[in-house]
Amino acid sequence: MRHSNKVPEVNAGSMADIAFLLLIFFLVSTTIPNDKGIVRKIPEPCPPGQKCDTEINERNLLSININKEGELLVNEGVTPYKDLKEIIKDFIDNNGDATCDYCNGNKVAAASDNPNKASISIKTHPKTPYKAFVTVQNELTAAYLELRKQYTESVLQKDADNLTKEEIKQVQQAYPFRISEADIQ
């Protein structure tokens, strides 16, 4: 018997093909997660030569503050997060009624003249927990959605899912989303 000193070679010609096929497989089968966030439309910049800052009557402004501990203050009174949606709905849709049943557990002056004049100011401390900020945003969005849905059913007498573009604009004009956000120190 004869033994050869040569080391057997592996045919690597098809390795590149296999690696390429695996790369294609993983690119096609991998899903990229969608980013999640809060959808807001940023207002258009003020055109040159126009006065865009408007005076807001204090009666038409609901002040929501979140301190660095995540504590919620509505019109300077400590408020539980669970009451926020009803406070917002009462404030926006009370048509000048001078009281709010949900504000801080008792009746306080918290009434906008009408939904078109209602503005909400959200102020947060730079160290406010993100969860607290998102909770306020969720409650705010839920309040507006409920008010718009009620308007759709009572005024337009339609289901909110079956509106035309013109009707959607009408609902948005009836309950405009007027929010101001700022940081506090």
Foldseek 3Di string as FASTA:
>chain_A
DDDDPDDDDDPCPCVVVVVVVVVVVCVVPDDDDDDDDDDDDDDDDDDPPDDDDDDADPLQEWEWEQELVLFIAIVNHTADLVLLLQLLLCAADVLPDQWRCRHNNHTHGRHHNHLQRHAYEYEYAPNRDPVSVVSNVVSLVVSLVVQLQVCCCPPVVDGPVPDDPVVVVVSCNRHPHHYHYYYDD
